[in-house]
Amino acid sequence: IVGAGTTNITASQAGDTNYNAAPDVVQVLTVNPKEDQTINFPTIADKTLGDPAFGLSAVASSGLTVNYATTSDKITISGSQITLLKAGRAAVTASQNGNEIFNAAPSVTQSFCIKPNKPTIAANGINTENITLTSSADEGNQWFKDGAALNGSTNKTLAVTTPGIYKVHVKVDD
């Protein structure tokens, strides 16, 4: 069988000295083409680092099992369960390879953001001339004073030189 279609198959039996030739028998063989399928992969909501593992829910129109994969180091996938490892953007690809009835489905990729934990600020040197603020995040910090970003203030620590309301915002990837 080389592809879909219909063909006649003829069986014949020649006679010999003991038997007459049998009449030809014709059978029609129909090979149906494989059906196409699609994957419905709902958007994955953003998560926060520390959230519990969660399940994926992609469905193939064929009803066949959907497989998941990632190249991200920010998550692991076991079956349809995702475990969060690091903050940042992660992508998951859903695929279905098909079978004897269905063609492989076009893969569908969904990405989502794993937000870093809300940073906390520790203050050292309160009531002195040398106040230092320290973010709980090792990287991705942007310090603010009175609601305005402090240009170039992206380290884990900030030396305070003037009174004000200080905040830190942490950003990973996008």
N, C-alpha and C. Protein backbone atom coordinates (compact mmCIF):
# COMPACT_ATOMS: atom_id res chain seq x y z
N ILE A 1 0.86 -1.17 0.00
CA ILE A 1 0.00 0.00 0.00
C ILE A 1 0.90 1.22 0.00
N VAL A 2 0.71 2.08 -0.97
CA VAL A 2 1.56 3.26 -1.09
C VAL A 2 0.82 4.55 -0.82
N GLY A 3 -0.47 4.49 -0.64
CA GLY A 3 -1.21 5.71 -0.37
C GLY A 3 -2.70 5.46 -0.39
N ALA A 4 -3.44 6.53 -0.18
CA ALA A 4 -4.89 6.45 -0.15
C ALA A 4 -5.45 6.25 -1.55
N GLY A 5 -6.61 5.62 -1.60
CA GLY A 5 -7.27 5.42 -2.88
C GLY A 5 -7.97 4.09 -2.94
N THR A 6 -8.47 3.77 -4.14
CA THR A 6 -9.19 2.52 -4.36
C THR A 6 -8.50 1.77 -5.48
N THR A 7 -8.39 0.46 -5.31
CA THR A 7 -7.78 -0.36 -6.35
C THR A 7 -8.48 -1.71 -6.37
N ASN A 8 -8.49 -2.32 -7.55
CA ASN A 8 -9.04 -3.67 -7.67
C ASN A 8 -7.91 -4.68 -7.49
N ILE A 9 -8.19 -5.70 -6.74
CA ILE A 9 -7.23 -6.78 -6.55
C ILE A 9 -7.87 -8.03 -7.14
N THR A 10 -7.16 -8.64 -8.07
CA THR A 10 -7.69 -9.82 -8.75
C THR A 10 -6.91 -11.05 -8.30
N ALA A 11 -7.66 -12.08 -7.91
CA ALA A 11 -7.05 -13.37 -7.55
C ALA A 11 -7.44 -14.36 -8.63
N SER A 12 -6.46 -15.12 -9.07
CA SER A 12 -6.76 -16.13 -10.10
C SER A 12 -6.02 -17.42 -9.77
N GLN A 13 -6.58 -18.50 -10.29
CA GLN A 13 -5.97 -19.82 -10.06
C GLN A 13 -6.00 -20.55 -11.39
N ALA A 14 -4.83 -20.80 -11.90
CA ALA A 14 -4.76 -21.54 -13.16
C ALA A 14 -5.09 -23.01 -12.88
N GLY A 15 -5.66 -23.63 -13.83
CA GLY A 15 -5.96 -25.05 -13.67
C GLY A 15 -4.72 -25.91 -13.90
N ASP A 16 -4.88 -27.19 -13.63
CA ASP A 16 -3.81 -28.15 -13.93
C ASP A 16 -4.47 -29.41 -14.45
N THR A 17 -3.77 -30.51 -14.47
CA THR A 17 -4.34 -31.73 -15.03
C THR A 17 -5.48 -32.28 -14.20
N ASN A 18 -5.55 -31.93 -12.94
CA ASN A 18 -6.61 -32.43 -12.06
C ASN A 18 -7.76 -31.44 -11.87
N TYR A 19 -7.49 -30.17 -12.07
CA TYR A 19 -8.51 -29.16 -11.79
C TYR A 19 -8.63 -28.18 -12.95
N ASN A 20 -9.86 -27.73 -13.13
CA ASN A 20 -10.09 -26.67 -14.10
C ASN A 20 -9.64 -25.34 -13.51
N ALA A 21 -9.39 -24.37 -14.35
CA ALA A 21 -9.03 -23.03 -13.87
C ALA A 21 -10.21 -22.42 -13.10
N ALA A 22 -9.91 -21.78 -12.01
CA ALA A 22 -10.96 -21.12 -11.22
C ALA A 22 -11.27 -19.77 -11.83
N PRO A 23 -12.53 -19.34 -11.72
CA PRO A 23 -12.84 -18.00 -12.25
C PRO A 23 -12.12 -16.93 -11.41
N ASP A 24 -11.72 -15.89 -12.08
CA ASP A 24 -11.07 -14.78 -11.36
C ASP A 24 -12.02 -14.21 -10.32
N VAL A 25 -11.44 -13.80 -9.17
CA VAL A 25 -12.20 -13.14 -8.11
C VAL A 25 -11.61 -11.75 -7.96
N VAL A 26 -12.48 -10.75 -8.06
CA VAL A 26 -12.03 -9.36 -7.96
C VAL A 26 -12.57 -8.77 -6.65
N GLN A 27 -11.67 -8.20 -5.88
CA GLN A 27 -12.05 -7.50 -4.64
C GLN A 27 -11.59 -6.05 -4.76
N VAL A 28 -12.36 -5.16 -4.19
CA VAL A 28 -12.00 -3.74 -4.20
C VAL A 28 -11.37 -3.42 -2.85
N LEU A 29 -10.17 -2.84 -2.90
CA LEU A 29 -9.47 -2.42 -1.69
C LEU A 29 -9.50 -0.89 -1.65
N THR A 30 -10.05 -0.36 -0.56
CA THR A 30 -10.10 1.09 -0.39
C THR A 30 -9.24 1.46 0.81
N VAL A 31 -8.28 2.34 0.58
CA VAL A 31 -7.42 2.86 1.65
C VAL A 31 -7.81 4.32 1.84
N ASN A 32 -8.39 4.59 3.00
CA ASN A 32 -8.81 5.97 3.29
C ASN A 32 -7.59 6.81 3.65
N PRO A 33 -7.62 8.08 3.22
CA PRO A 33 -6.50 8.96 3.59
C PRO A 33 -6.54 9.24 5.10
N LYS A 34 -5.38 9.54 5.66
CA LYS A 34 -5.34 9.92 7.07
C LYS A 34 -6.06 11.25 7.24
N GLU A 35 -6.68 11.39 8.39
CA GLU A 35 -7.40 12.62 8.69
C GLU A 35 -6.46 13.61 9.37
N ASP A 36 -6.69 14.88 9.10
CA ASP A 36 -5.94 15.93 9.80
C ASP A 36 -6.52 16.11 11.20
N GLN A 37 -5.70 16.63 12.08
CA GLN A 37 -6.14 16.94 13.43
C GLN A 37 -5.52 18.26 13.86
N THR A 38 -6.11 18.86 14.87
CA THR A 38 -5.59 20.10 15.42
C THR A 38 -5.48 19.96 16.93
N ILE A 39 -4.77 20.90 17.54
CA ILE A 39 -4.63 20.92 18.99
C ILE A 39 -5.21 22.23 19.51
N ASN A 40 -6.06 22.12 20.49
CA ASN A 40 -6.59 23.29 21.20
C ASN A 40 -5.79 23.39 22.50
N PHE A 41 -4.95 24.41 22.61
CA PHE A 41 -4.08 24.57 23.78
C PHE A 41 -4.39 25.92 24.41
N PRO A 42 -5.22 25.94 25.46
CA PRO A 42 -5.59 27.21 26.09
C PRO A 42 -4.38 27.98 26.61
N THR A 43 -4.53 29.29 26.67
CA THR A 43 -3.49 30.16 27.21
C THR A 43 -3.16 29.74 28.64
N ILE A 44 -1.89 29.78 28.98
CA ILE A 44 -1.45 29.48 30.35
C ILE A 44 -1.36 30.80 31.11
N ALA A 45 -2.07 30.89 32.21
CA ALA A 45 -2.05 32.12 33.01
C ALA A 45 -0.68 32.32 33.66
N ASP A 46 -0.30 33.58 33.84
CA ASP A 46 0.95 33.87 34.53
C ASP A 46 0.90 33.29 35.94
N LYS A 47 2.08 32.92 36.43
CA LYS A 47 2.21 32.32 37.76
C LYS A 47 3.21 33.14 38.57
N THR A 48 3.33 32.82 39.85
CA THR A 48 4.32 33.44 40.72
C THR A 48 5.21 32.33 41.27
N LEU A 49 6.51 32.57 41.25
CA LEU A 49 7.45 31.58 41.76
C LEU A 49 7.01 31.15 43.15
N GLY A 50 6.94 29.85 43.37
CA GLY A 50 6.46 29.32 44.64
C GLY A 50 5.04 28.78 44.54
N ASP A 51 4.32 29.12 43.45
CA ASP A 51 2.98 28.55 43.25
C ASP A 51 3.11 27.03 43.12
N PRO A 52 2.04 26.29 43.45
CA PRO A 52 2.11 24.83 43.33
C PRO A 52 2.16 24.39 41.87
N ALA A 53 2.57 23.13 41.66
CA ALA A 53 2.56 22.55 40.32
C ALA A 53 1.14 22.62 39.78
N PHE A 54 1.02 22.68 38.45
CA PHE A 54 -0.30 22.77 37.84
C PHE A 54 -0.34 21.95 36.57
N GLY A 55 -1.57 21.62 36.15
CA GLY A 55 -1.76 20.78 34.97
C GLY A 55 -2.03 21.57 33.72
N LEU A 56 -1.67 20.98 32.59
CA LEU A 56 -1.95 21.54 31.27
C LEU A 56 -3.17 20.84 30.71
N SER A 57 -3.87 21.50 29.80
CA SER A 57 -5.13 20.92 29.33
C SER A 57 -5.33 21.03 27.82
N ALA A 58 -4.29 20.78 27.05
CA ALA A 58 -4.44 20.78 25.60
C ALA A 58 -5.23 19.54 25.17
N VAL A 59 -6.01 19.69 24.10
CA VAL A 59 -6.82 18.59 23.60
C VAL A 59 -6.63 18.49 22.09
N ALA A 60 -6.39 17.27 21.60
CA ALA A 60 -6.31 17.04 20.16
C ALA A 60 -7.70 16.74 19.63
N SER A 61 -8.03 17.27 18.45
CA SER A 61 -9.35 17.04 17.87
C SER A 61 -9.58 15.56 17.57
N SER A 62 -8.51 14.78 17.47
CA SER A 62 -8.62 13.35 17.23
C SER A 62 -8.97 12.57 18.49
N GLY A 63 -8.78 13.19 19.65
CA GLY A 63 -8.96 12.49 20.91
C GLY A 63 -7.71 11.76 21.37
N LEU A 64 -6.65 11.81 20.55
CA LEU A 64 -5.39 11.17 20.93
C LEU A 64 -4.69 11.99 22.00
N THR A 65 -3.80 11.36 22.75
CA THR A 65 -3.08 12.01 23.84
C THR A 65 -2.12 13.07 23.31
N VAL A 66 -2.12 14.21 23.97
CA VAL A 66 -1.22 15.32 23.62
C VAL A 66 0.03 15.20 24.48
N ASN A 67 1.19 15.45 23.87
CA ASN A 67 2.46 15.44 24.58
C ASN A 67 2.95 16.87 24.75
N TYR A 68 3.70 17.11 25.83
CA TYR A 68 4.20 18.44 26.14
C TYR A 68 5.72 18.42 26.24
N ALA A 69 6.34 19.53 25.82
CA ALA A 69 7.79 19.66 25.90
C ALA A 69 8.16 21.12 26.13
N THR A 70 9.36 21.32 26.68
CA THR A 70 9.89 22.67 26.86
C THR A 70 11.40 22.62 26.71
N THR A 71 11.96 23.76 26.33
CA THR A 71 13.42 23.91 26.33
C THR A 71 13.84 24.85 27.44
N SER A 72 12.88 25.29 28.24
CA SER A 72 13.14 26.25 29.30
C SER A 72 13.77 25.59 30.52
N ASP A 73 14.68 26.32 31.17
CA ASP A 73 15.25 25.84 32.44
C ASP A 73 14.45 26.39 33.62
N LYS A 74 13.34 27.06 33.33
CA LYS A 74 12.52 27.67 34.38
C LYS A 74 11.40 26.77 34.88
N ILE A 75 11.15 25.67 34.14
CA ILE A 75 10.10 24.72 34.51
C ILE A 75 10.54 23.30 34.22
N THR A 76 9.85 22.35 34.83
CA THR A 76 9.96 20.94 34.42
C THR A 76 8.55 20.47 34.09
N ILE A 77 8.48 19.50 33.19
CA ILE A 77 7.19 18.92 32.81
C ILE A 77 7.25 17.43 33.05
N SER A 78 6.25 16.90 33.74
CA SER A 78 6.10 15.47 33.95
C SER A 78 4.69 15.12 33.52
N GLY A 79 4.56 14.45 32.38
CA GLY A 79 3.23 14.20 31.82
C GLY A 79 2.61 15.52 31.42
N SER A 80 1.54 15.90 32.12
CA SER A 80 0.91 17.18 31.84
C SER A 80 1.05 18.14 33.03
N GLN A 81 1.94 17.81 33.98
CA GLN A 81 2.14 18.65 35.17
C GLN A 81 3.39 19.52 35.02
N ILE A 82 3.24 20.81 35.34
CA ILE A 82 4.38 21.74 35.30
C ILE A 82 4.76 22.10 36.73
N THR A 83 6.07 22.07 36.98
CA THR A 83 6.62 22.55 38.25
C THR A 83 7.48 23.76 37.93
N LEU A 84 7.28 24.84 38.69
CA LEU A 84 8.02 26.08 38.50
C LEU A 84 9.37 26.00 39.20
N LEU A 85 10.44 26.42 38.52
CA LEU A 85 11.80 26.38 39.08
C LEU A 85 12.41 27.75 39.27
N LYS A 86 12.20 28.65 38.30
CA LYS A 86 12.81 29.98 38.31
C LYS A 86 11.84 31.01 37.77
N ALA A 87 12.06 32.26 38.14
CA ALA A 87 11.26 33.35 37.59
C ALA A 87 11.70 33.62 36.15
N GLY A 88 10.78 34.13 35.35
CA GLY A 88 11.07 34.49 33.96
C GLY A 88 9.99 33.95 33.04
N ARG A 89 10.23 34.03 31.73
CA ARG A 89 9.27 33.55 30.74
C ARG A 89 9.62 32.12 30.37
N ALA A 90 8.59 31.29 30.30
CA ALA A 90 8.74 29.88 29.91
C ALA A 90 7.76 29.58 28.79
N ALA A 91 8.14 28.67 27.91
CA ALA A 91 7.26 28.26 26.81
C ALA A 91 7.07 26.75 26.86
N VAL A 92 5.86 26.32 26.51
CA VAL A 92 5.50 24.91 26.47
C VAL A 92 4.93 24.62 25.08
N THR A 93 5.38 23.52 24.47
CA THR A 93 4.87 23.12 23.16
C THR A 93 4.04 21.86 23.32
N ALA A 94 2.82 21.90 22.78
CA ALA A 94 1.93 20.74 22.76
C ALA A 94 2.01 20.11 21.38
N SER A 95 2.13 18.77 21.33
CA SER A 95 2.21 18.08 20.05
C SER A 95 1.44 16.77 20.10
N GLN A 96 1.08 16.29 18.92
CA GLN A 96 0.41 14.99 18.80
C GLN A 96 0.91 14.40 17.48
N ASN A 97 1.60 13.24 17.56
CA ASN A 97 2.29 12.67 16.41
C ASN A 97 1.40 11.92 15.43
N GLY A 98 0.13 11.72 15.75
CA GLY A 98 -0.76 11.00 14.84
C GLY A 98 -0.63 9.50 15.02
N ASN A 99 -1.39 8.77 14.19
CA ASN A 99 -1.35 7.31 14.21
C ASN A 99 -1.75 6.82 12.83
N GLU A 100 -2.24 5.58 12.74
CA GLU A 100 -2.59 5.04 11.44
C GLU A 100 -3.82 5.72 10.83
N ILE A 101 -4.57 6.45 11.64
CA ILE A 101 -5.78 7.12 11.14
C ILE A 101 -5.57 8.63 10.98
N PHE A 102 -4.77 9.23 11.88
CA PHE A 102 -4.61 10.68 11.89
C PHE A 102 -3.18 11.11 11.56
N ASN A 103 -3.07 12.19 10.79
CA ASN A 103 -1.78 12.83 10.56
C ASN A 103 -1.33 13.51 11.84
N ALA A 104 -0.05 13.80 11.93
CA ALA A 104 0.46 14.58 13.06
C ALA A 104 -0.20 15.95 13.05
N ALA A 105 -0.52 16.44 14.24
CA ALA A 105 -1.13 17.77 14.36
C ALA A 105 -0.04 18.83 14.34
N PRO A 106 -0.33 20.01 13.80
CA PRO A 106 0.63 21.11 13.93
C PRO A 106 0.83 21.42 15.42
N SER A 107 2.07 21.54 15.84
CA SER A 107 2.37 21.85 17.25
C SER A 107 1.88 23.25 17.60
N VAL A 108 1.54 23.42 18.87
CA VAL A 108 1.07 24.72 19.38
C VAL A 108 1.92 25.06 20.60
N THR A 109 2.45 26.28 20.64
CA THR A 109 3.29 26.72 21.75
C THR A 109 2.60 27.85 22.51
N GLN A 110 2.61 27.74 23.82
CA GLN A 110 2.09 28.78 24.70
C GLN A 110 3.22 29.20 25.64
N SER A 111 3.33 30.50 25.89
CA SER A 111 4.32 30.96 26.85
C SER A 111 3.60 31.69 27.98
N PHE A 112 4.27 31.75 29.11
CA PHE A 112 3.70 32.42 30.27
C PHE A 112 4.83 32.96 31.13
N CYS A 113 4.48 33.89 31.99
CA CYS A 113 5.47 34.53 32.85
C CYS A 113 5.41 33.90 34.24
N ILE A 114 6.58 33.60 34.77
CA ILE A 114 6.70 33.19 36.16
C ILE A 114 7.24 34.40 36.89
N LYS A 115 6.35 35.07 37.61
CA LYS A 115 6.73 36.31 38.29
C LYS A 115 7.61 35.99 39.49
N PRO A 116 8.62 36.84 39.73
CA PRO A 116 9.43 36.63 40.93
C PRO A 116 8.60 36.93 42.18
N ASN A 117 9.03 36.39 43.29
CA ASN A 117 8.35 36.71 44.55
C ASN A 117 8.45 38.20 44.80
N LYS A 118 7.45 38.76 45.46
CA LYS A 118 7.47 40.17 45.80
C LYS A 118 8.68 40.42 46.70
N PRO A 119 9.51 41.39 46.33
CA PRO A 119 10.72 41.61 47.14
C PRO A 119 10.40 42.26 48.48
N THR A 120 11.25 42.00 49.43
CA THR A 120 11.18 42.71 50.71
C THR A 120 12.45 43.55 50.83
N ILE A 121 12.36 44.58 51.63
CA ILE A 121 13.49 45.49 51.79
C ILE A 121 13.93 45.46 53.25
N ALA A 122 15.23 45.25 53.44
CA ALA A 122 15.81 45.35 54.79
C ALA A 122 16.57 46.68 54.85
N ALA A 123 16.44 47.37 55.98
CA ALA A 123 17.12 48.66 56.15
C ALA A 123 18.17 48.52 57.24
N ASN A 124 19.38 48.98 56.95
CA ASN A 124 20.47 49.00 57.93
C ASN A 124 20.89 50.45 58.15
N GLY A 125 21.25 50.75 59.37
CA GLY A 125 21.74 52.08 59.68
C GLY A 125 20.64 53.10 59.91
N ILE A 126 19.45 52.64 60.28
CA ILE A 126 18.35 53.57 60.56
C ILE A 126 18.80 54.53 61.66
N ASN A 127 18.38 55.79 61.55
CA ASN A 127 18.74 56.87 62.49
C ASN A 127 20.24 57.18 62.47
N THR A 128 20.88 56.93 61.35
CA THR A 128 22.29 57.32 61.16
C THR A 128 22.39 58.06 59.83
N GLU A 129 23.57 58.50 59.52
CA GLU A 129 23.83 59.18 58.25
C GLU A 129 24.04 58.17 57.12
N ASN A 130 24.24 56.91 57.42
CA ASN A 130 24.59 55.89 56.42
C ASN A 130 23.52 54.79 56.37
N ILE A 131 22.39 55.10 55.77
CA ILE A 131 21.32 54.11 55.64
C ILE A 131 21.52 53.34 54.34
N THR A 132 21.43 52.01 54.45
CA THR A 132 21.52 51.14 53.28
C THR A 132 20.27 50.28 53.21
N LEU A 133 19.65 50.26 52.04
CA LEU A 133 18.49 49.41 51.80
C LEU A 133 18.95 48.20 50.99
N THR A 134 18.44 47.02 51.36
CA THR A 134 18.82 45.79 50.67
C THR A 134 17.56 45.06 50.22
N SER A 135 17.52 44.73 48.93
CA SER A 135 16.39 43.98 48.35
C SER A 135 16.59 42.49 48.62
N SER A 136 15.50 41.77 48.78
CA SER A 136 15.58 40.31 48.94
C SER A 136 15.90 39.62 47.62
N ALA A 137 15.78 40.33 46.50
CA ALA A 137 16.09 39.76 45.18
C ALA A 137 17.54 40.00 44.83
N ASP A 138 18.21 38.98 44.35
CA ASP A 138 19.62 39.11 43.99
C ASP A 138 19.84 39.89 42.71
N GLU A 139 18.87 39.85 41.79
CA GLU A 139 19.02 40.55 40.51
C GLU A 139 17.67 41.04 40.03
N GLY A 140 17.69 41.90 39.02
CA GLY A 140 16.47 42.44 38.43
C GLY A 140 15.87 43.61 39.20
N ASN A 141 16.61 44.19 40.12
CA ASN A 141 16.11 45.27 40.96
C ASN A 141 16.10 46.60 40.21
N GLN A 142 15.10 47.40 40.48
CA GLN A 142 15.06 48.81 40.07
C GLN A 142 14.52 49.58 41.27
N TRP A 143 15.36 50.47 41.80
CA TRP A 143 14.98 51.26 42.97
C TRP A 143 14.22 52.51 42.56
N PHE A 144 13.26 52.91 43.41
CA PHE A 144 12.44 54.10 43.19
C PHE A 144 12.50 54.97 44.44
N LYS A 145 12.44 56.28 44.23
CA LYS A 145 12.34 57.24 45.34
C LYS A 145 11.15 58.13 45.04
N ASP A 146 10.21 58.19 45.96
CA ASP A 146 9.00 59.00 45.81
C ASP A 146 8.29 58.73 44.49
N GLY A 147 8.27 57.46 44.08
CA GLY A 147 7.55 57.04 42.88
C GLY A 147 8.32 57.16 41.58
N ALA A 148 9.51 57.76 41.59
CA ALA A 148 10.30 57.92 40.37
C ALA A 148 11.48 56.95 40.38
N ALA A 149 11.72 56.31 39.23
CA ALA A 149 12.85 55.39 39.12
C ALA A 149 14.15 56.14 39.31
N LEU A 150 15.05 55.56 40.07
CA LEU A 150 16.38 56.14 40.27
C LEU A 150 17.30 55.59 39.19
N ASN A 151 17.70 56.46 38.29
CA ASN A 151 18.52 56.06 37.15
C ASN A 151 19.78 55.34 37.59
N GLY A 152 19.99 54.14 37.05
CA GLY A 152 21.20 53.37 37.34
C GLY A 152 21.17 52.65 38.68
N SER A 153 20.10 52.75 39.42
CA SER A 153 20.01 52.09 40.73
C SER A 153 19.34 50.73 40.56
N THR A 154 20.16 49.74 40.17
CA THR A 154 19.64 48.41 39.88
C THR A 154 20.35 47.31 40.67
N ASN A 155 21.16 47.70 41.64
CA ASN A 155 21.87 46.71 42.45
C ASN A 155 20.96 46.15 43.54
N LYS A 156 21.45 45.17 44.23
CA LYS A 156 20.73 44.58 45.36
C LYS A 156 20.61 45.58 46.51
N THR A 157 21.61 46.44 46.65
CA THR A 157 21.61 47.41 47.75
C THR A 157 21.55 48.83 47.20
N LEU A 158 21.05 49.75 48.06
CA LEU A 158 20.96 51.15 47.70
C LEU A 158 21.37 51.97 48.92
N ALA A 159 22.36 52.84 48.73
CA ALA A 159 22.75 53.77 49.80
C ALA A 159 21.82 54.98 49.73
N VAL A 160 21.12 55.24 50.83
CA VAL A 160 20.16 56.34 50.88
C VAL A 160 20.89 57.62 51.28
N THR A 161 20.70 58.67 50.47
CA THR A 161 21.38 59.93 50.76
C THR A 161 20.41 61.06 51.09
N THR A 162 19.15 60.89 50.71
CA THR A 162 18.15 61.93 51.01
C THR A 162 16.87 61.27 51.52
N PRO A 163 16.12 61.99 52.34
CA PRO A 163 14.86 61.44 52.85
C PRO A 163 13.87 61.21 51.71
N GLY A 164 13.00 60.21 51.85
CA GLY A 164 11.97 59.94 50.86
C GLY A 164 11.32 58.60 51.11
N ILE A 165 10.43 58.25 50.21
CA ILE A 165 9.79 56.93 50.25
C ILE A 165 10.46 56.09 49.19
N TYR A 166 11.09 55.00 49.61
CA TYR A 166 11.86 54.15 48.71
C TYR A 166 11.13 52.82 48.48
N LYS A 167 11.16 52.37 47.24
CA LYS A 167 10.57 51.09 46.86
C LYS A 167 11.53 50.42 45.89
N VAL A 168 11.36 49.10 45.74
CA VAL A 168 12.13 48.37 44.77
C VAL A 168 11.15 47.53 43.94
N HIS A 169 11.42 47.47 42.64
CA HIS A 169 10.64 46.66 41.71
C HIS A 169 11.61 45.63 41.13
N VAL A 170 11.18 44.37 41.06
CA VAL A 170 12.03 43.30 40.52
C VAL A 170 11.42 42.82 39.20
N LYS A 171 12.27 42.74 38.17
CA LYS A 171 11.84 42.30 36.85
C LYS A 171 12.80 41.21 36.36
N VAL A 172 12.22 40.13 35.85
CA VAL A 172 13.00 39.02 35.28
C VAL A 172 12.52 38.82 33.86
N ASP A 173 13.43 38.67 32.91
CA ASP A 173 13.11 38.53 31.49
C ASP A 173 12.23 39.70 31.07
N ASP A 174 11.02 39.42 30.59
CA ASP A 174 10.15 40.50 30.14
C ASP A 174 9.06 40.81 31.14
